[in-house]
């Protein structure tokens, strides 16, 4: 049983709590990276489908691909939420401060692509979800390559 799952009245070694803390931080960042990658893939498939696919067979295959990507997005969101819940509990036990300014609760409105506009927003007034500006996720080399790659140039 992990330290975050143990009742707070039960004693637990601080070393184990610290190990789980680091594990949950890594899991949260990994889940956010996966969420970003899958949102980007979803956006690319939707743009490709709208521009180039015609006919029932091609649209059915694209729809199945999008369902798979949606499943991966939901899995990543659930992984992040599980890690976040454990971090909340461990932060109290370890007296950690400031971590929740970087990692925040993930709500459904946060799970949106870079180019998705919320209802009533225009390109000049829209705000990016915090998942796209988090340090350690946007700064990864793979994301920089994806943002500079031909897929986004093609889409925009």
C-alpha atoms as a PDB file:
ATOM      1  CA  UNK A   1       0.000   0.000   0.000  1.00  0.00           C
ATOM      2  CA  UNK A   2       1.317   3.447  -0.917  1.00  0.00           C
ATOM      3  CA  UNK A   3       1.799   6.121   1.778  1.00  0.00           C
ATOM      4  CA  UNK A   4      -0.877   8.364   0.235  1.00  0.00           C
ATOM      5  CA  UNK A   5      -3.433   5.558   0.643  1.00  0.00           C
ATOM      6  CA  UNK A   6      -2.666   4.976   4.319  1.00  0.00           C
ATOM      7  CA  UNK A   7      -4.856   6.616   6.944  1.00  0.00           C
ATOM      8  CA  UNK A   8      -3.178   9.754   8.310  1.00  0.00           C
ATOM      9  CA  UNK A   9      -3.440   8.409  11.868  1.00  0.00           C
ATOM     10  CA  UNK A  10      -1.186   5.461  10.921  1.00  0.00           C
ATOM     11  CA  UNK A  11       2.559   6.080  11.100  1.00  0.00           C
ATOM     12  CA  UNK A  12       4.510   5.861   7.867  1.00  0.00           C
ATOM     13  CA  UNK A  13       8.190   6.325   7.123  1.00  0.00           C
ATOM     14  CA  UNK A  14       8.962   9.801   5.715  1.00  0.00           C
ATOM     15  CA  UNK A  15      11.409   8.243   3.241  1.00  0.00           C
ATOM     16  CA  UNK A  16       8.581   6.242   1.666  1.00  0.00           C
ATOM     17  CA  UNK A  17       6.393   9.343   1.562  1.00  0.00           C
ATOM     18  CA  UNK A  18       9.209  11.322  -0.082  1.00  0.00           C
ATOM     19  CA  UNK A  19       9.713   8.559  -2.705  1.00  0.00           C
ATOM     20  CA  UNK A  20       6.004   8.512  -3.525  1.00  0.00           C
ATOM     21  CA  UNK A  21       6.049  12.330  -3.690  1.00  0.00           C
ATOM     22  CA  UNK A  22       8.737  12.284  -6.380  1.00  0.00           C
ATOM     23  CA  UNK A  23       6.936   9.476  -8.192  1.00  0.00           C
ATOM     24  CA  UNK A  24       3.641  11.404  -8.220  1.00  0.00           C
ATOM     25  CA  UNK A  25       5.325  14.602  -9.441  1.00  0.00           C
ATOM     26  CA  UNK A  26       6.840  12.632 -12.328  1.00  0.00           C
ATOM     27  CA  UNK A  27       3.524  10.895 -13.035  1.00  0.00           C
ATOM     28  CA  UNK A  28       1.673  14.220 -13.140  1.00  0.00           C
ATOM     29  CA  UNK A  29       4.178  15.743 -15.579  1.00  0.00           C
ATOM     30  CA  UNK A  30       4.161  12.601 -17.719  1.00  0.00           C
ATOM     31  CA  UNK A  31       0.358  12.614 -17.836  1.00  0.00           C
ATOM     32  CA  UNK A  32       0.333  16.292 -18.870  1.00  0.00           C
ATOM     33  CA  UNK A  33       2.844  15.549 -21.624  1.00  0.00           C
ATOM     34  CA  UNK A  34       0.678  12.666 -22.832  1.00  0.00           C
ATOM     35  CA  UNK A  35      -2.389  14.898 -22.673  1.00  0.00           C
ATOM     36  CA  UNK A  36      -0.657  17.537 -24.796  1.00  0.00           C
ATOM     37  CA  UNK A  37       0.562  15.019 -27.357  1.00  0.00           C
ATOM     38  CA  UNK A  38      -2.854  13.439 -27.745  1.00  0.00           C
ATOM     39  CA  UNK A  39      -4.645  16.785 -27.988  1.00  0.00           C
ATOM     40  CA  UNK A  40      -2.190  17.767 -30.702  1.00  0.00           C
ATOM     41  CA  UNK A  41      -2.782  14.471 -32.533  1.00  0.00           C
ATOM     42  CA  UNK A  42      -6.544  14.932 -32.232  1.00  0.00           C
ATOM     43  CA  UNK A  43      -6.302  18.402 -33.729  1.00  0.00           C
ATOM     44  CA  UNK A  44      -4.196  17.143 -36.639  1.00  0.00           C
ATOM     45  CA  UNK A  45      -6.546  14.245 -37.411  1.00  0.00           C
ATOM     46  CA  UNK A  46      -9.600  16.533 -37.282  1.00  0.00           C
ATOM     47  CA  UNK A  47      -7.998  19.060 -39.647  1.00  0.00           C
ATOM     48  CA  UNK A  48      -6.889  16.305 -42.029  1.00  0.00           C
ATOM     49  CA  UNK A  49     -10.329  14.674 -41.923  1.00  0.00           C
ATOM     50  CA  UNK A  50     -12.125  17.949 -42.640  1.00  0.00           C
ATOM     51  CA  UNK A  51      -9.861  18.908 -45.531  1.00  0.00           C
ATOM     52  CA  UNK A  52      -9.046  15.672 -47.309  1.00  0.00           C
ATOM     53  CA  UNK A  53     -11.356  12.785 -46.437  1.00  0.00           C
ATOM     54  CA  UNK A  54     -14.447  12.025 -48.446  1.00  0.00           C
ATOM     55  CA  UNK A  55     -16.624   8.964 -48.377  1.00  0.00           C
ATOM     56  CA  UNK A  56     -18.020   6.709 -45.711  1.00  0.00           C
ATOM     57  CA  UNK A  57     -15.060   4.328 -45.422  1.00  0.00           C
ATOM     58  CA  UNK A  58     -12.430   7.023 -44.952  1.00  0.00           C
ATOM     59  CA  UNK A  59     -14.566   8.955 -42.476  1.00  0.00           C
ATOM     60  CA  UNK A  60     -15.316   5.781 -40.509  1.00  0.00           C
ATOM     61  CA  UNK A  61     -11.596   5.019 -40.184  1.00  0.00           C
ATOM     62  CA  UNK A  62     -10.912   8.614 -39.110  1.00  0.00           C
ATOM     63  CA  UNK A  63     -13.753   8.415 -36.592  1.00  0.00           C
ATOM     64  CA  UNK A  64     -12.294   5.222 -35.108  1.00  0.00           C
ATOM     65  CA  UNK A  65      -8.875   6.865 -34.897  1.00  0.00           C
ATOM     66  CA  UNK A  66     -10.415   9.853 -33.108  1.00  0.00           C
ATOM     67  CA  UNK A  67     -12.197   7.537 -30.651  1.00  0.00           C
ATOM     68  CA  UNK A  68      -8.839   5.927 -29.826  1.00  0.00           C
ATOM     69  CA  UNK A  69      -7.214   9.322 -29.312  1.00  0.00           C
ATOM     70  CA  UNK A  70     -10.136  10.423 -27.109  1.00  0.00           C
ATOM     71  CA  UNK A  71      -9.635   7.305 -24.988  1.00  0.00           C
ATOM     72  CA  UNK A  72      -5.937   8.157 -24.597  1.00  0.00           C
ATOM     73  CA  UNK A  73      -6.842  11.741 -23.611  1.00  0.00           C
ATOM     74  CA  UNK A  74      -9.240  10.468 -20.940  1.00  0.00           C
ATOM     75  CA  UNK A  75      -6.650   7.972 -19.668  1.00  0.00           C
ATOM     76  CA  UNK A  76      -4.015  10.709 -19.374  1.00  0.00           C
ATOM     77  CA  UNK A  77      -6.479  13.003 -17.568  1.00  0.00           C
ATOM     78  CA  UNK A  78      -7.353  10.220 -15.115  1.00  0.00           C
ATOM     79  CA  UNK A  79      -3.656   9.477 -14.505  1.00  0.00           C
ATOM     80  CA  UNK A  80      -3.030  13.161 -13.813  1.00  0.00           C
ATOM     81  CA  UNK A  81      -6.011  13.418 -11.447  1.00  0.00           C
ATOM     82  CA  UNK A  82      -4.884  10.321  -9.510  1.00  0.00           C
ATOM     83  CA  UNK A  83      -1.378  11.752  -9.152  1.00  0.00           C
ATOM     84  CA  UNK A  84      -2.757  15.148  -8.128  1.00  0.00           C
ATOM     85  CA  UNK A  85      -4.963  13.623  -5.412  1.00  0.00           C
ATOM     86  CA  UNK A  86      -1.978  11.731  -4.010  1.00  0.00           C
ATOM     87  CA  UNK A  87       0.127  14.914  -4.098  1.00  0.00           C
ATOM     88  CA  UNK A  88      -2.515  16.826  -2.149  1.00  0.00           C
ATOM     89  CA  UNK A  89      -2.449  14.223   0.616  1.00  0.00           C
ATOM     90  CA  UNK A  90       1.347  13.863   0.613  1.00  0.00           C
ATOM     91  CA  UNK A  91       1.847  17.653   0.642  1.00  0.00           C
ATOM     92  CA  UNK A  92       0.081  17.812   3.985  1.00  0.00           C
ATOM     93  CA  UNK A  93       2.165  14.981   5.411  1.00  0.00           C
ATOM     94  CA  UNK A  94       5.489  16.300   4.078  1.00  0.00           C
ATOM     95  CA  UNK A  95       4.619  19.987   4.546  1.00  0.00           C
ATOM     96  CA  UNK A  96       5.409  20.758   0.891  1.00  0.00           C
ATOM     97  CA  UNK A  97       4.631  24.284  -0.258  1.00  0.00           C
ATOM     98  CA  UNK A  98       4.351  25.942  -3.659  1.00  0.00           C
ATOM     99  CA  UNK A  99       3.915  22.798  -5.730  1.00  0.00           C
ATOM    100  CA  UNK A 100       0.244  23.586  -6.410  1.00  0.00           C
ATOM    101  CA  UNK A 101       1.113  26.824  -8.204  1.00  0.00           C
ATOM    102  CA  UNK A 102       2.583  24.663 -10.968  1.00  0.00           C
ATOM    103  CA  UNK A 103       0.303  21.630 -10.858  1.00  0.00           C
ATOM    104  CA  UNK A 104      -3.356  22.548 -10.605  1.00  0.00           C
ATOM    105  CA  UNK A 105      -6.623  20.644 -10.438  1.00  0.00           C
ATOM    106  CA  UNK A 106      -7.553  19.480 -13.931  1.00  0.00           C
ATOM    107  CA  UNK A 107     -11.106  20.341 -14.915  1.00  0.00           C
ATOM    108  CA  UNK A 108     -12.832  19.434 -18.166  1.00  0.00           C
ATOM    109  CA  UNK A 109     -12.478  22.980 -19.569  1.00  0.00           C
ATOM    110  CA  UNK A 110      -8.688  22.694 -19.250  1.00  0.00           C
ATOM    111  CA  UNK A 111      -8.589  19.751 -21.652  1.00  0.00           C
ATOM    112  CA  UNK A 112      -8.552  21.620 -24.946  1.00  0.00           C
ATOM    113  CA  UNK A 113      -6.188  21.943 -27.870  1.00  0.00           C
ATOM    114  CA  UNK A 114      -4.006  24.897 -28.707  1.00  0.00           C
ATOM    115  CA  UNK A 115      -6.389  26.166 -31.372  1.00  0.00           C
ATOM    116  CA  UNK A 116      -9.702  25.387 -29.652  1.00  0.00           C
ATOM    117  CA  UNK A 117     -11.728  28.484 -28.887  1.00  0.00           C
ATOM    118  CA  UNK A 118     -14.069  28.466 -25.934  1.00  0.00           C
ATOM    119  CA  UNK A 119     -17.633  29.647 -26.434  1.00  0.00           C
ATOM    120  CA  UNK A 120     -17.715  33.422 -26.854  1.00  0.00           C
ATOM    121  CA  UNK A 121     -13.957  33.825 -27.327  1.00  0.00           C
ATOM    122  CA  UNK A 122     -12.293  35.286 -30.349  1.00  0.00           C
ATOM    123  CA  UNK A 123      -8.688  34.843 -31.404  1.00  0.00           C
ATOM    124  CA  UNK A 124      -7.751  38.126 -29.763  1.00  0.00           C
ATOM    125  CA  UNK A 125      -9.355  37.366 -26.396  1.00  0.00           C
ATOM    126  CA  UNK A 126      -8.801  33.644 -25.915  1.00  0.00           C
ATOM    127  CA  UNK A 127      -6.644  32.296 -23.135  1.00  0.00           C
ATOM    128  CA  UNK A 128      -4.593  29.138 -23.312  1.00  0.00           C
ATOM    129  CA  UNK A 129      -5.338  26.443 -20.814  1.00  0.00           C
ATOM    130  CA  UNK A 130      -2.711  26.157 -18.088  1.00  0.00           C
ATOM    131  CA  UNK A 131      -1.752  22.700 -19.356  1.00  0.00           C
ATOM    132  CA  UNK A 132      -0.014  24.351 -22.327  1.00  0.00           C
ATOM    133  CA  UNK A 133       2.078  26.748 -20.265  1.00  0.00           C
ATOM    134  CA  UNK A 134       3.338  24.483 -17.504  1.00  0.00           C
ATOM    135  CA  UNK A 135       7.088  24.447 -17.015  1.00  0.00           C
ATOM    136  CA  UNK A 136       8.654  21.097 -17.786  1.00  0.00           C
ATOM    137  CA  UNK A 137       5.970  20.139 -20.286  1.00  0.00           C
ATOM    138  CA  UNK A 138       6.206  22.898 -22.883  1.00  0.00           C
ATOM    139  CA  UNK A 139       9.969  23.047 -22.438  1.00  0.00           C
ATOM    140  CA  UNK A 140      10.556  19.478 -23.604  1.00  0.00           C
ATOM    141  CA  UNK A 141      12.450  19.108 -26.854  1.00  0.00           C
ATOM    142  CA  UNK A 142       9.793  16.833 -28.332  1.00  0.00           C
ATOM    143  CA  UNK A 143       7.104  19.491 -27.817  1.00  0.00           C
ATOM    144  CA  UNK A 144       9.257  22.234 -29.316  1.00  0.00           C
ATOM    145  CA  UNK A 145       9.801  20.069 -32.381  1.00  0.00           C
ATOM    146  CA  UNK A 146       6.087  19.335 -32.583  1.00  0.00           C
ATOM    147  CA  UNK A 147       5.182  23.014 -32.318  1.00  0.00           C
ATOM    148  CA  UNK A 148       7.709  23.995 -34.974  1.00  0.00           C
ATOM    149  CA  UNK A 149       7.005  21.016 -37.196  1.00  0.00           C
ATOM    150  CA  UNK A 150       5.222  21.100 -40.534  1.00  0.00           C
ATOM    151  CA  UNK A 151       1.942  19.837 -39.058  1.00  0.00           C
ATOM    152  CA  UNK A 152       1.227  23.073 -37.200  1.00  0.00           C
ATOM    153  CA  UNK A 153       2.505  25.272 -40.002  1.00  0.00           C
ATOM    154  CA  UNK A 154       0.203  23.335 -42.310  1.00  0.00           C
ATOM    155  CA  UNK A 155      -2.770  23.722 -39.962  1.00  0.00           C
ATOM    156  CA  UNK A 156      -2.391  27.386 -39.186  1.00  0.00           C
END
